[in-house]
């Protein structure tokens, strides 16, 4: 079994030939495996929005600019909190929970600005 070189290092081919660049595949793989579940609050309308995304900053910009059909009528929004997950399945399960009665109670009781 071949071992990976350190990030940004070069590795010799098995035949001792020309060195090839081997990217940090493990680190790159983990960076792309983050999924977020977030809760926004429209204080003007006393309404929450629970969402899911891989790109949190882009998604927040879309919401705050009124580019999302579901949230546009309830501007302005503030971020109550967000949570990070390694798998899409975990994130979607959490999103589904937060939309239940118990999940809404959890959102009400959670300290503002706390993240996981």
N, C-alpha and C. Protein backbone atom coordinates (compact mmCIF):
# COMPACT_ATOMS: atom_id res chain seq x y z
N UNK A 1 0.86 -1.17 0.00
CA UNK A 1 0.00 0.00 0.00
C UNK A 1 0.90 1.24 0.00
N UNK A 2 0.60 2.16 -0.88
CA UNK A 2 1.39 3.39 -0.98
C UNK A 2 0.98 4.34 0.12
N UNK A 3 1.93 5.09 0.63
CA UNK A 3 1.60 6.11 1.63
C UNK A 3 1.57 7.47 0.94
N UNK A 4 0.76 8.36 1.44
CA UNK A 4 0.64 9.68 0.86
C UNK A 4 1.76 10.56 1.38
N UNK A 5 2.34 11.37 0.52
CA UNK A 5 3.34 12.32 1.00
C UNK A 5 2.65 13.44 1.77
N UNK A 6 3.41 14.20 2.50
CA UNK A 6 2.86 15.34 3.23
C UNK A 6 2.26 16.32 2.23
N UNK A 7 1.30 17.13 2.66
CA UNK A 7 0.67 18.09 1.75
C UNK A 7 1.71 18.94 1.04
N UNK A 8 1.53 19.09 -0.27
CA UNK A 8 2.43 19.92 -1.05
C UNK A 8 3.76 19.26 -1.37
N UNK A 9 3.95 18.02 -1.03
CA UNK A 9 5.21 17.31 -1.29
C UNK A 9 5.12 16.56 -2.60
N UNK A 10 6.25 16.13 -3.09
CA UNK A 10 6.28 15.32 -4.29
C UNK A 10 6.58 13.89 -3.92
N UNK A 11 6.06 12.97 -4.71
CA UNK A 11 6.26 11.55 -4.44
C UNK A 11 6.95 10.91 -5.64
N UNK A 12 7.81 9.96 -5.37
CA UNK A 12 8.45 9.20 -6.45
C UNK A 12 7.48 8.14 -6.93
N UNK A 13 7.48 7.87 -8.21
CA UNK A 13 6.65 6.79 -8.71
C UNK A 13 7.22 5.47 -8.24
N UNK A 14 6.41 4.42 -8.26
CA UNK A 14 6.84 3.11 -7.78
C UNK A 14 8.03 2.59 -8.56
N UNK A 15 8.18 2.99 -9.82
CA UNK A 15 9.29 2.52 -10.65
C UNK A 15 10.53 3.41 -10.49
N UNK A 16 10.47 4.38 -9.60
CA UNK A 16 11.62 5.25 -9.37
C UNK A 16 11.77 6.29 -10.45
N UNK A 17 10.75 6.49 -11.25
CA UNK A 17 10.81 7.46 -12.35
C UNK A 17 10.59 8.88 -11.87
N UNK A 18 10.06 9.68 -12.77
CA UNK A 18 9.86 11.09 -12.52
C UNK A 18 8.91 11.32 -11.35
N UNK A 19 9.21 12.32 -10.52
CA UNK A 19 8.37 12.65 -9.37
C UNK A 19 7.09 13.31 -9.86
N UNK A 20 6.00 13.01 -9.18
CA UNK A 20 4.70 13.58 -9.51
C UNK A 20 4.15 14.28 -8.28
N UNK A 21 3.41 15.34 -8.51
CA UNK A 21 2.78 16.04 -7.40
C UNK A 21 1.58 15.26 -6.91
N UNK A 22 1.49 15.02 -5.62
CA UNK A 22 0.36 14.33 -5.01
C UNK A 22 -0.36 15.33 -4.10
N UNK A 23 -1.55 15.77 -4.45
CA UNK A 23 -2.25 16.74 -3.59
C UNK A 23 -2.65 16.11 -2.27
N UNK A 24 -2.95 16.95 -1.32
CA UNK A 24 -3.42 16.48 -0.02
C UNK A 24 -4.88 16.06 -0.17
N UNK A 25 -5.08 14.86 -0.70
CA UNK A 25 -6.43 14.39 -1.00
C UNK A 25 -7.27 14.19 0.25
N UNK A 26 -6.67 13.75 1.30
CA UNK A 26 -7.44 13.52 2.53
C UNK A 26 -7.95 14.85 3.07
N UNK A 27 -7.08 15.83 3.18
CA UNK A 27 -7.49 17.15 3.68
C UNK A 27 -8.51 17.81 2.78
N UNK A 28 -8.28 17.73 1.46
CA UNK A 28 -9.21 18.32 0.50
C UNK A 28 -10.56 17.62 0.59
N UNK A 29 -10.55 16.32 0.78
CA UNK A 29 -11.78 15.55 0.88
C UNK A 29 -12.59 15.98 2.09
N UNK A 30 -11.93 16.16 3.22
CA UNK A 30 -12.64 16.56 4.44
C UNK A 30 -13.19 17.98 4.33
N UNK A 31 -12.45 18.87 3.66
CA UNK A 31 -12.92 20.24 3.51
C UNK A 31 -14.25 20.28 2.76
N UNK A 32 -14.43 19.37 1.82
CA UNK A 32 -15.63 19.37 1.00
C UNK A 32 -16.74 18.52 1.59
N UNK A 33 -16.53 18.00 2.78
CA UNK A 33 -17.54 17.16 3.39
C UNK A 33 -18.28 17.89 4.51
N UNK A 34 -18.16 19.20 4.59
CA UNK A 34 -18.87 19.93 5.61
C UNK A 34 -20.24 20.36 5.10
N UNK A 35 -21.24 20.07 5.90
CA UNK A 35 -22.60 20.47 5.60
C UNK A 35 -23.11 21.27 6.79
N UNK A 36 -23.94 22.24 6.52
CA UNK A 36 -24.42 23.13 7.57
C UNK A 36 -25.94 23.13 7.63
N UNK A 37 -26.44 23.18 8.85
CA UNK A 37 -27.85 23.43 9.11
C UNK A 37 -27.87 24.74 9.88
N UNK A 38 -28.75 25.64 9.48
CA UNK A 38 -28.76 26.96 10.10
C UNK A 38 -30.19 27.40 10.37
N UNK A 39 -30.31 28.31 11.32
CA UNK A 39 -31.61 28.87 11.66
C UNK A 39 -31.52 30.38 11.57
N UNK A 40 -32.41 30.96 10.77
CA UNK A 40 -32.52 32.41 10.65
C UNK A 40 -33.77 32.87 11.38
N UNK A 41 -33.76 34.14 11.81
CA UNK A 41 -34.91 34.70 12.52
C UNK A 41 -35.30 36.03 11.91
N UNK A 42 -36.57 36.15 11.56
CA UNK A 42 -37.12 37.43 11.11
C UNK A 42 -37.83 38.04 12.31
N UNK A 43 -37.18 39.00 12.96
CA UNK A 43 -37.79 39.60 14.15
C UNK A 43 -38.99 40.45 13.78
N UNK A 44 -38.99 40.99 12.58
CA UNK A 44 -40.11 41.81 12.12
C UNK A 44 -41.40 40.99 12.03
N UNK A 45 -41.26 39.74 11.63
CA UNK A 45 -42.43 38.87 11.48
C UNK A 45 -42.47 37.74 12.51
N UNK A 46 -41.50 37.72 13.44
CA UNK A 46 -41.42 36.68 14.48
C UNK A 46 -41.51 35.29 13.86
N UNK A 47 -40.62 35.05 12.91
CA UNK A 47 -40.65 33.80 12.15
C UNK A 47 -39.23 33.26 12.02
N UNK A 48 -39.10 31.93 12.09
CA UNK A 48 -37.80 31.27 11.91
C UNK A 48 -37.76 30.57 10.56
N UNK A 49 -36.55 30.40 10.05
CA UNK A 49 -36.32 29.64 8.83
C UNK A 49 -35.18 28.67 9.10
N UNK A 50 -35.40 27.39 8.83
CA UNK A 50 -34.37 26.36 9.00
C UNK A 50 -33.89 25.96 7.62
N UNK A 51 -32.57 26.03 7.40
CA UNK A 51 -32.01 25.71 6.10
C UNK A 51 -30.83 24.77 6.18
N UNK A 52 -30.39 24.33 5.01
CA UNK A 52 -29.29 23.38 4.86
C UNK A 52 -28.45 23.83 3.66
N UNK A 53 -27.12 23.74 3.78
CA UNK A 53 -26.25 24.14 2.68
C UNK A 53 -24.84 23.57 2.86
N UNK A 54 -24.07 23.61 1.79
CA UNK A 54 -22.64 23.28 1.87
C UNK A 54 -21.82 24.57 1.93
N UNK A 55 -22.36 25.67 1.45
CA UNK A 55 -21.64 26.94 1.41
C UNK A 55 -22.42 27.97 2.23
N UNK A 56 -22.05 28.08 3.47
CA UNK A 56 -22.81 28.90 4.42
C UNK A 56 -22.79 30.38 4.06
N UNK A 57 -21.63 30.93 3.77
CA UNK A 57 -21.56 32.37 3.51
C UNK A 57 -22.34 32.73 2.24
N UNK A 58 -22.24 31.92 1.20
CA UNK A 58 -22.98 32.18 -0.03
C UNK A 58 -24.49 32.11 0.23
N UNK A 59 -24.91 31.13 0.98
CA UNK A 59 -26.34 30.96 1.27
C UNK A 59 -26.87 32.12 2.09
N UNK A 60 -26.09 32.57 3.08
CA UNK A 60 -26.51 33.72 3.88
C UNK A 60 -26.64 34.96 2.99
N UNK A 61 -25.70 35.20 2.10
CA UNK A 61 -25.78 36.35 1.20
C UNK A 61 -27.06 36.30 0.36
N UNK A 62 -27.41 35.10 -0.11
CA UNK A 62 -28.63 34.95 -0.90
C UNK A 62 -29.87 35.31 -0.08
N UNK A 63 -29.92 34.81 1.15
CA UNK A 63 -31.07 35.12 2.01
C UNK A 63 -31.15 36.63 2.30
N UNK A 64 -30.04 37.22 2.68
CA UNK A 64 -30.04 38.62 3.10
C UNK A 64 -30.29 39.57 1.93
N UNK A 65 -30.00 39.14 0.71
CA UNK A 65 -30.22 39.96 -0.48
C UNK A 65 -31.62 39.75 -1.06
N UNK A 66 -32.42 38.88 -0.45
CA UNK A 66 -33.77 38.63 -0.93
C UNK A 66 -33.83 37.78 -2.18
N UNK A 67 -32.82 36.94 -2.39
CA UNK A 67 -32.77 36.09 -3.58
C UNK A 67 -33.39 34.71 -3.37
N UNK A 68 -33.95 34.49 -2.18
CA UNK A 68 -34.59 33.21 -1.89
C UNK A 68 -36.09 33.44 -1.78
N UNK A 69 -36.85 32.69 -2.57
CA UNK A 69 -38.31 32.86 -2.63
C UNK A 69 -38.98 32.68 -1.26
N UNK A 70 -38.47 31.74 -0.47
CA UNK A 70 -39.09 31.44 0.82
C UNK A 70 -38.82 32.49 1.89
N UNK A 71 -37.71 33.18 1.80
CA UNK A 71 -37.35 34.12 2.86
C UNK A 71 -37.49 35.58 2.46
N UNK A 72 -37.58 35.87 1.19
CA UNK A 72 -37.65 37.26 0.72
C UNK A 72 -38.77 38.08 1.37
N UNK A 73 -39.99 37.54 1.49
CA UNK A 73 -41.07 38.35 2.06
C UNK A 73 -40.88 38.72 3.53
N UNK A 74 -39.95 38.06 4.22
CA UNK A 74 -39.80 38.25 5.66
C UNK A 74 -38.51 38.96 6.06
N UNK A 75 -37.88 39.64 5.12
CA UNK A 75 -36.66 40.39 5.42
C UNK A 75 -36.94 41.44 6.48
N UNK A 76 -35.99 41.80 7.31
CA UNK A 76 -34.61 41.31 7.39
C UNK A 76 -34.49 40.08 8.28
N UNK A 77 -33.41 39.32 8.06
CA UNK A 77 -33.13 38.10 8.81
C UNK A 77 -31.85 38.27 9.62
N UNK A 78 -31.79 37.56 10.75
CA UNK A 78 -30.55 37.46 11.52
C UNK A 78 -30.27 35.97 11.74
N UNK A 79 -29.01 35.64 11.88
CA UNK A 79 -28.62 34.24 12.11
C UNK A 79 -28.76 33.94 13.59
N UNK A 80 -29.59 32.96 13.93
CA UNK A 80 -29.69 32.52 15.32
C UNK A 80 -28.53 31.60 15.66
N UNK A 81 -28.30 30.59 14.80
CA UNK A 81 -27.19 29.68 14.98
C UNK A 81 -27.05 28.79 13.77
N UNK A 82 -25.91 28.10 13.71
CA UNK A 82 -25.71 27.09 12.68
C UNK A 82 -24.93 25.94 13.29
N UNK A 83 -25.05 24.76 12.68
CA UNK A 83 -24.36 23.55 13.14
C UNK A 83 -23.67 22.92 11.94
N UNK A 84 -22.54 22.27 12.19
CA UNK A 84 -21.72 21.67 11.14
C UNK A 84 -21.78 20.16 11.23
N UNK A 85 -21.88 19.50 10.07
CA UNK A 85 -21.95 18.04 10.00
C UNK A 85 -21.00 17.53 8.93
N UNK A 86 -20.51 16.31 9.11
CA UNK A 86 -19.60 15.71 8.13
C UNK A 86 -20.34 15.04 6.98
N UNK A 87 -21.58 14.63 7.20
CA UNK A 87 -22.31 13.96 6.13
C UNK A 87 -23.62 14.68 5.83
N UNK A 88 -24.03 14.57 4.60
CA UNK A 88 -25.28 15.17 4.17
C UNK A 88 -26.46 14.54 4.91
N UNK A 89 -26.39 13.24 5.12
CA UNK A 89 -27.47 12.52 5.81
C UNK A 89 -27.69 13.05 7.22
N UNK A 90 -26.58 13.26 7.96
CA UNK A 90 -26.68 13.79 9.32
C UNK A 90 -27.31 15.18 9.32
N UNK A 91 -26.86 16.00 8.38
CA UNK A 91 -27.37 17.38 8.31
C UNK A 91 -28.86 17.40 7.99
N UNK A 92 -29.27 16.60 7.03
CA UNK A 92 -30.70 16.59 6.66
C UNK A 92 -31.57 16.03 7.79
N UNK A 93 -31.03 15.07 8.53
CA UNK A 93 -31.76 14.52 9.68
C UNK A 93 -31.95 15.61 10.75
N UNK A 94 -30.90 16.40 10.98
CA UNK A 94 -30.96 17.48 11.96
C UNK A 94 -31.95 18.57 11.51
N UNK A 95 -31.91 18.91 10.22
CA UNK A 95 -32.83 19.90 9.68
C UNK A 95 -34.28 19.44 9.89
N UNK A 96 -34.52 18.18 9.60
CA UNK A 96 -35.87 17.63 9.77
C UNK A 96 -36.31 17.72 11.23
N UNK A 97 -35.39 17.39 12.16
CA UNK A 97 -35.72 17.49 13.58
C UNK A 97 -36.06 18.93 13.98
N UNK A 98 -35.25 19.89 13.52
CA UNK A 98 -35.47 21.29 13.92
C UNK A 98 -36.81 21.83 13.43
N UNK A 99 -37.41 21.18 12.45
CA UNK A 99 -38.71 21.61 11.94
C UNK A 99 -39.88 20.96 12.69
N UNK A 100 -39.58 20.04 13.61
CA UNK A 100 -40.63 19.40 14.40
C UNK A 100 -40.98 20.28 15.61
N UNK A 101 -42.00 19.88 16.33
CA UNK A 101 -42.38 20.62 17.54
C UNK A 101 -41.26 20.66 18.57
N UNK A 102 -40.61 19.52 18.80
CA UNK A 102 -39.50 19.48 19.75
C UNK A 102 -38.32 20.30 19.25
N UNK A 103 -38.11 20.28 17.95
CA UNK A 103 -37.03 21.08 17.36
C UNK A 103 -37.29 22.57 17.51
N UNK A 104 -38.52 23.00 17.31
CA UNK A 104 -38.87 24.41 17.50
C UNK A 104 -38.70 24.83 18.96
N UNK A 105 -39.02 23.93 19.88
CA UNK A 105 -38.79 24.22 21.31
C UNK A 105 -37.29 24.36 21.59
N UNK A 106 -36.50 23.48 20.98
CA UNK A 106 -35.04 23.55 21.13
C UNK A 106 -34.52 24.90 20.64
N UNK A 107 -35.02 25.35 19.50
CA UNK A 107 -34.59 26.64 18.94
C UNK A 107 -34.93 27.78 19.89
N UNK A 108 -36.11 27.75 20.48
CA UNK A 108 -36.52 28.81 21.42
C UNK A 108 -35.62 28.87 22.64
N UNK A 109 -35.20 27.70 23.14
CA UNK A 109 -34.42 27.64 24.39
C UNK A 109 -32.93 27.83 24.18
N UNK A 110 -32.46 27.69 22.97
CA UNK A 110 -31.02 27.75 22.68
C UNK A 110 -30.51 29.18 22.83
N UNK A 111 -29.32 29.34 23.45
CA UNK A 111 -28.74 30.69 23.57
C UNK A 111 -28.46 31.30 22.19
N UNK A 112 -28.71 32.57 22.04
CA UNK A 112 -28.49 33.27 20.77
C UNK A 112 -27.00 33.30 20.42
N UNK A 113 -26.69 33.06 19.14
CA UNK A 113 -25.32 33.15 18.66
C UNK A 113 -24.46 31.94 18.94
N UNK A 114 -24.97 30.94 19.63
CA UNK A 114 -24.18 29.75 19.92
C UNK A 114 -24.09 28.89 18.67
N UNK A 115 -22.92 28.33 18.41
CA UNK A 115 -22.74 27.47 17.24
C UNK A 115 -22.16 26.14 17.67
N UNK A 116 -22.37 25.13 16.84
CA UNK A 116 -21.79 23.81 17.08
C UNK A 116 -21.08 23.36 15.85
